[in-house]
Amino acid sequence: MSDQNTILSRHLTSDGVVVWIRCACGRLRMDLVPNAGGRPLTAGPCPHCAVSPDRA
């Protein structure tokens, strides 16, 4: 098992940038970094591998 998260893809949307990430444990996670500079949103984070979206 890898110790790092892997960015699978990034997509520009009307709300911001959506980033799909594979956690070090193998789980899939989706982060939304809003255009307006608001707080990033995360869906599907692993409680053991959680990393803030701005570091991914």
PDB file of N, CA and C in Angstrom:
ATOM      1  N   MET A   1       0.844  -1.187   0.000  1.00  0.00           N
ATOM      2  CA  MET A   1       0.000   0.000   0.000  1.00  0.00           C
ATOM      3  C   MET A   1       0.887   1.247   0.000  1.00  0.00           C
ATOM      4  N   SER A   2       0.541   2.223  -0.813  1.00  0.00           N
ATOM      5  CA  SER A   2       1.279   3.474  -0.928  1.00  0.00           C
ATOM      6  C   SER A   2       0.953   4.387   0.252  1.00  0.00           C
ATOM      7  N   ASP A   3       1.907   5.257   0.622  1.00  0.00           N
ATOM      8  CA  ASP A   3       1.687   6.216   1.698  1.00  0.00           C
ATOM      9  C   ASP A   3       1.116   7.525   1.183  1.00  0.00           C
ATOM     10  N   GLN A   4       0.910   7.635  -0.146  1.00  0.00           N
ATOM     11  CA  GLN A   4       0.473   8.894  -0.726  1.00  0.00           C
ATOM     12  C   GLN A   4      -0.900   8.774  -1.366  1.00  0.00           C
ATOM     13  N   ASN A   5      -1.570   9.918  -1.435  1.00  0.00           N
ATOM     14  CA  ASN A   5      -2.805  10.016  -2.195  1.00  0.00           C
ATOM     15  C   ASN A   5      -2.443  10.241  -3.655  1.00  0.00           C
ATOM     16  N   THR A   6      -3.295   9.762  -4.567  1.00  0.00           N
ATOM     17  CA  THR A   6      -3.057   9.912  -5.992  1.00  0.00           C
ATOM     18  C   THR A   6      -4.184  10.720  -6.615  1.00  0.00           C
ATOM     19  N   ILE A   7      -3.852  11.823  -7.278  1.00  0.00           N
ATOM     20  CA  ILE A   7      -4.854  12.614  -7.987  1.00  0.00           C
ATOM     21  C   ILE A   7      -5.177  11.881  -9.284  1.00  0.00           C
ATOM     22  N   LEU A   8      -6.441  11.529  -9.455  1.00  0.00           N
ATOM     23  CA  LEU A   8      -6.879  10.813 -10.647  1.00  0.00           C
ATOM     24  C   LEU A   8      -7.299  11.763 -11.748  1.00  0.00           C
ATOM     25  N   SER A   9      -7.988  12.859 -11.390  1.00  0.00           N
ATOM     26  CA  SER A   9      -8.403  13.830 -12.397  1.00  0.00           C
ATOM     27  C   SER A   9      -8.808  15.136 -11.726  1.00  0.00           C
ATOM     28  N   ARG A  10      -8.794  16.195 -12.540  1.00  0.00           N
ATOM     29  CA  ARG A  10      -9.261  17.529 -12.132  1.00  0.00           C
ATOM     30  C   ARG A  10     -10.179  18.042 -13.216  1.00  0.00           C
ATOM     31  N   HIS A  11     -11.294  18.651 -12.804  1.00  0.00           N
ATOM     32  CA  HIS A  11     -12.276  19.147 -13.764  1.00  0.00           C
ATOM     33  C   HIS A  11     -12.743  20.528 -13.343  1.00  0.00           C
ATOM     34  N   LEU A  12     -12.648  21.478 -14.249  1.00  0.00           N
ATOM     35  CA  LEU A  12     -13.149  22.817 -14.006  1.00  0.00           C
ATOM     36  C   LEU A  12     -14.658  22.799 -14.207  1.00  0.00           C
ATOM     37  N   THR A  13     -15.402  23.294 -13.224  1.00  0.00           N
ATOM     38  CA  THR A  13     -16.861  23.373 -13.310  1.00  0.00           C
ATOM     39  C   THR A  13     -17.289  24.814 -13.051  1.00  0.00           C
ATOM     40  N   SER A  14     -18.561  25.100 -13.186  1.00  0.00           N
ATOM     41  CA  SER A  14     -19.061  26.453 -12.934  1.00  0.00           C
ATOM     42  C   SER A  14     -18.945  26.824 -11.452  1.00  0.00           C
ATOM     43  N   ASP A  15     -18.867  25.834 -10.557  1.00  0.00           N
ATOM     44  CA  ASP A  15     -18.754  26.093  -9.120  1.00  0.00           C
ATOM     45  C   ASP A  15     -17.321  26.125  -8.613  1.00  0.00           C
ATOM     46  N   GLY A  16     -16.385  25.576  -9.384  1.00  0.00           N
ATOM     47  CA  GLY A  16     -14.996  25.517  -8.941  1.00  0.00           C
ATOM     48  C   GLY A  16     -14.284  24.349  -9.605  1.00  0.00           C
ATOM     49  N   VAL A  17     -13.266  23.842  -8.940  1.00  0.00           N
ATOM     50  CA  VAL A  17     -12.496  22.723  -9.469  1.00  0.00           C
ATOM     51  C   VAL A  17     -12.841  21.463  -8.680  1.00  0.00           C
ATOM     52  N   VAL A  18     -13.243  20.415  -9.390  1.00  0.00           N
ATOM     53  CA  VAL A  18     -13.514  19.119  -8.784  1.00  0.00           C
ATOM     54  C   VAL A  18     -12.267  18.256  -8.969  1.00  0.00           C
ATOM     55  N   VAL A  19     -11.797  17.678  -7.870  1.00  0.00           N
ATOM     56  CA  VAL A  19     -10.603  16.836  -7.894  1.00  0.00           C
ATOM     57  C   VAL A  19     -10.988  15.453  -7.377  1.00  0.00           C
ATOM     58  N   TRP A  20     -10.712  14.422  -8.195  1.00  0.00           N
ATOM     59  CA  TRP A  20     -10.931  13.032  -7.779  1.00  0.00           C
ATOM     60  C   TRP A  20      -9.599  12.460  -7.327  1.00  0.00           C
ATOM     61  N   ILE A  21      -9.583  11.895  -6.120  1.00  0.00           N
ATOM     62  CA  ILE A  21      -8.357  11.425  -5.487  1.00  0.00           C
ATOM     63  C   ILE A  21      -8.547   9.994  -4.996  1.00  0.00           C
ATOM     64  N   ARG A  22      -7.521   9.175  -5.156  1.00  0.00           N
ATOM     65  CA  ARG A  22      -7.489   7.833  -4.570  1.00  0.00           C
ATOM     66  C   ARG A  22      -6.657   7.943  -3.300  1.00  0.00           C
ATOM     67  N   CYS A  23      -7.282   7.696  -2.142  1.00  0.00           N
ATOM     68  CA  CYS A  23      -6.573   7.757  -0.864  1.00  0.00           C
ATOM     69  C   CYS A  23      -5.520   6.660  -0.787  1.00  0.00           C
ATOM     70  N   ALA A  24      -4.580   6.832   0.101  1.00  0.00           N
ATOM     71  CA  ALA A  24      -3.510   5.854   0.291  1.00  0.00           C
ATOM     72  C   ALA A  24      -4.069   4.474   0.619  1.00  0.00           C
ATOM     73  N   CYS A  25      -5.244   4.424   1.256  1.00  0.00           N
ATOM     74  CA  CYS A  25      -5.851   3.142   1.627  1.00  0.00           C
ATOM     75  C   CYS A  25      -6.626   2.510   0.473  1.00  0.00           C
ATOM     76  N   GLY A  26      -6.805   3.261  -0.634  1.00  0.00           N
ATOM     77  CA  GLY A  26      -7.511   2.730  -1.797  1.00  0.00           C
ATOM     78  C   GLY A  26      -8.907   3.310  -2.007  1.00  0.00           C
ATOM     79  N   ARG A  27      -9.427   4.061  -1.053  1.00  0.00           N
ATOM     80  CA  ARG A  27     -10.756   4.654  -1.196  1.00  0.00           C
ATOM     81  C   ARG A  27     -10.740   5.832  -2.164  1.00  0.00           C
ATOM     82  N   LEU A  28     -11.866   6.063  -2.825  1.00  0.00           N
ATOM     83  CA  LEU A  28     -12.021   7.180  -3.755  1.00  0.00           C
ATOM     84  C   LEU A  28     -12.614   8.371  -3.004  1.00  0.00           C
ATOM     85  N   ARG A  29     -12.089   9.560  -3.303  1.00  0.00           N
ATOM     86  CA  ARG A  29     -12.546  10.789  -2.655  1.00  0.00           C
ATOM     87  C   ARG A  29     -12.739  11.866  -3.709  1.00  0.00           C
ATOM     88  N   MET A  30     -13.737  12.743  -3.505  1.00  0.00           N
ATOM     89  CA  MET A  30     -13.987  13.868  -4.397  1.00  0.00           C
ATOM     90  C   MET A  30     -13.895  15.149  -3.578  1.00  0.00           C
ATOM     91  N   ASP A  31     -13.092  16.101  -4.063  1.00  0.00           N
ATOM     92  CA  ASP A  31     -12.976  17.412  -3.424  1.00  0.00           C
ATOM     93  C   ASP A  31     -13.468  18.471  -4.391  1.00  0.00           C
ATOM     94  N   LEU A  32     -14.176  19.474  -3.869  1.00  0.00           N
ATOM     95  CA  LEU A  32     -14.586  20.633  -4.647  1.00  0.00           C
ATOM     96  C   LEU A  32     -13.923  21.847  -4.031  1.00  0.00           C
ATOM     97  N   VAL A  33     -13.102  22.534  -4.818  1.00  0.00           N
ATOM     98  CA  VAL A  33     -12.463  23.774  -4.383  1.00  0.00           C
ATOM     99  C   VAL A  33     -13.235  24.902  -5.068  1.00  0.00           C
ATOM    100  N   PRO A  34     -14.083  25.628  -4.322  1.00  0.00           N
ATOM    101  CA  PRO A  34     -14.964  26.636  -4.908  1.00  0.00           C
ATOM    102  C   PRO A  34     -14.218  27.804  -5.552  1.00  0.00           C
ATOM    103  N   ASN A  35     -14.801  28.338  -6.636  1.00  0.00           N
ATOM    104  CA  ASN A  35     -14.255  29.522  -7.306  1.00  0.00           C
ATOM    105  C   ASN A  35     -14.254  30.737  -6.396  1.00  0.00           C
ATOM    106  N   ALA A  36     -15.285  30.861  -5.593  1.00  0.00           N
ATOM    107  CA  ALA A  36     -15.475  32.055  -4.771  1.00  0.00           C
ATOM    108  C   ALA A  36     -14.538  32.108  -3.564  1.00  0.00           C
ATOM    109  N   GLY A  37     -13.658  31.131  -3.433  1.00  0.00           N
ATOM    110  CA  GLY A  37     -12.722  31.140  -2.322  1.00  0.00           C
ATOM    111  C   GLY A  37     -13.309  30.641  -1.020  1.00  0.00           C
ATOM    112  N   GLY A  38     -14.461  30.006  -1.090  1.00  0.00           N
ATOM    113  CA  GLY A  38     -15.078  29.449   0.109  1.00  0.00           C
ATOM    114  C   GLY A  38     -14.334  28.224   0.597  1.00  0.00           C
ATOM    115  N   ARG A  39     -14.873  27.615   1.612  1.00  0.00           N
ATOM    116  CA  ARG A  39     -14.265  26.426   2.200  1.00  0.00           C
ATOM    117  C   ARG A  39     -14.412  25.234   1.253  1.00  0.00           C
ATOM    118  N   PRO A  40     -13.331  24.488   0.998  1.00  0.00           N
ATOM    119  CA  PRO A  40     -13.418  23.298   0.137  1.00  0.00           C
ATOM    120  C   PRO A  40     -14.364  22.254   0.721  1.00  0.00           C
ATOM    121  N   LEU A  41     -15.024  21.517  -0.146  1.00  0.00           N
ATOM    122  CA  LEU A  41     -15.942  20.452   0.258  1.00  0.00           C
ATOM    123  C   LEU A  41     -15.329  19.113  -0.122  1.00  0.00           C
ATOM    124  N   THR A  42     -15.532  18.110   0.729  1.00  0.00           N
ATOM    125  CA  THR A  42     -14.980  16.786   0.479  1.00  0.00           C
ATOM    126  C   THR A  42     -16.081  15.749   0.634  1.00  0.00           C
ATOM    127  N   ALA A  43     -16.108  14.771  -0.271  1.00  0.00           N
ATOM    128  CA  ALA A  43     -17.056  13.658  -0.189  1.00  0.00           C
ATOM    129  C   ALA A  43     -16.274  12.352  -0.250  1.00  0.00           C
ATOM    130  N   GLY A  44     -16.541  11.477   0.682  1.00  0.00           N
ATOM    131  CA  GLY A  44     -15.926  10.159   0.680  1.00  0.00           C
ATOM    132  C   GLY A  44     -14.557  10.066   1.313  1.00  0.00           C
ATOM    133  N   PRO A  45     -14.193  10.961   2.254  1.00  0.00           N
ATOM    134  CA  PRO A  45     -12.855  10.860   2.821  1.00  0.00           C
ATOM    135  C   PRO A  45     -12.731   9.664   3.759  1.00  0.00           C
ATOM    136  N   CYS A  46     -11.578   9.076   3.758  1.00  0.00           N
ATOM    137  CA  CYS A  46     -11.267   8.004   4.692  1.00  0.00           C
ATOM    138  C   CYS A  46     -10.863   8.652   6.018  1.00  0.00           C
ATOM    139  N   PRO A  47     -11.457   8.277   7.117  1.00  0.00           N
ATOM    140  CA  PRO A  47     -11.107   8.912   8.391  1.00  0.00           C
ATOM    141  C   PRO A  47      -9.650   8.686   8.797  1.00  0.00           C
ATOM    142  N   HIS A  48      -9.020   7.646   8.255  1.00  0.00           N
ATOM    143  CA  HIS A  48      -7.637   7.343   8.601  1.00  0.00           C
ATOM    144  C   HIS A  48      -6.640   8.042   7.678  1.00  0.00           C
ATOM    145  N   CYS A  49      -7.068   8.424   6.474  1.00  0.00           N
ATOM    146  CA  CYS A  49      -6.162   9.017   5.472  1.00  0.00           C
ATOM    147  C   CYS A  49      -6.535  10.455   5.154  1.00  0.00           C
ATOM    148  N   ALA A  50      -7.421  11.073   5.910  1.00  0.00           N
ATOM    149  CA  ALA A  50      -7.943  12.400   5.569  1.00  0.00           C
ATOM    150  C   ALA A  50      -6.820  13.429   5.444  1.00  0.00           C
ATOM    151  N   VAL A  51      -6.859  14.145   4.312  1.00  0.00           N
ATOM    152  CA  VAL A  51      -5.921  15.224   4.013  1.00  0.00           C
ATOM    153  C   VAL A  51      -6.763  16.380   3.495  1.00  0.00           C
ATOM    154  N   SER A  52      -6.425  17.584   3.896  1.00  0.00           N
ATOM    155  CA  SER A  52      -7.206  18.721   3.418  1.00  0.00           C
ATOM    156  C   SER A  52      -7.053  18.861   1.904  1.00  0.00           C
ATOM    157  N   PRO A  53      -8.107  19.258   1.180  1.00  0.00           N
ATOM    158  CA  PRO A  53      -8.078  19.354  -0.265  1.00  0.00           C
ATOM    159  C   PRO A  53      -7.021  20.276  -0.829  1.00  0.00           C
ATOM    160  N   ASP A  54      -6.655  21.311  -0.082  1.00  0.00           N
ATOM    161  CA  ASP A  54      -5.666  22.244  -0.621  1.00  0.00           C
ATOM    162  C   ASP A  54      -4.256  21.656  -0.572  1.00  0.00           C
ATOM    163  N   ARG A  55      -4.053  20.522   0.092  1.00  0.00           N
ATOM    164  CA  ARG A  55      -2.753  19.859   0.104  1.00  0.00           C
ATOM    165  C   ARG A  55      -2.686  18.684  -0.856  1.00  0.00           C
ATOM    166  N   ALA A  56      -3.808  18.310  -1.432  1.00  0.00           N
ATOM    167  CA  ALA A  56      -3.845  17.151  -2.315  1.00  0.00           C
ATOM    168  C   ALA A  56      -3.344  17.462  -3.704  1.00  0.00           C
TER     169      ALA A  56
END
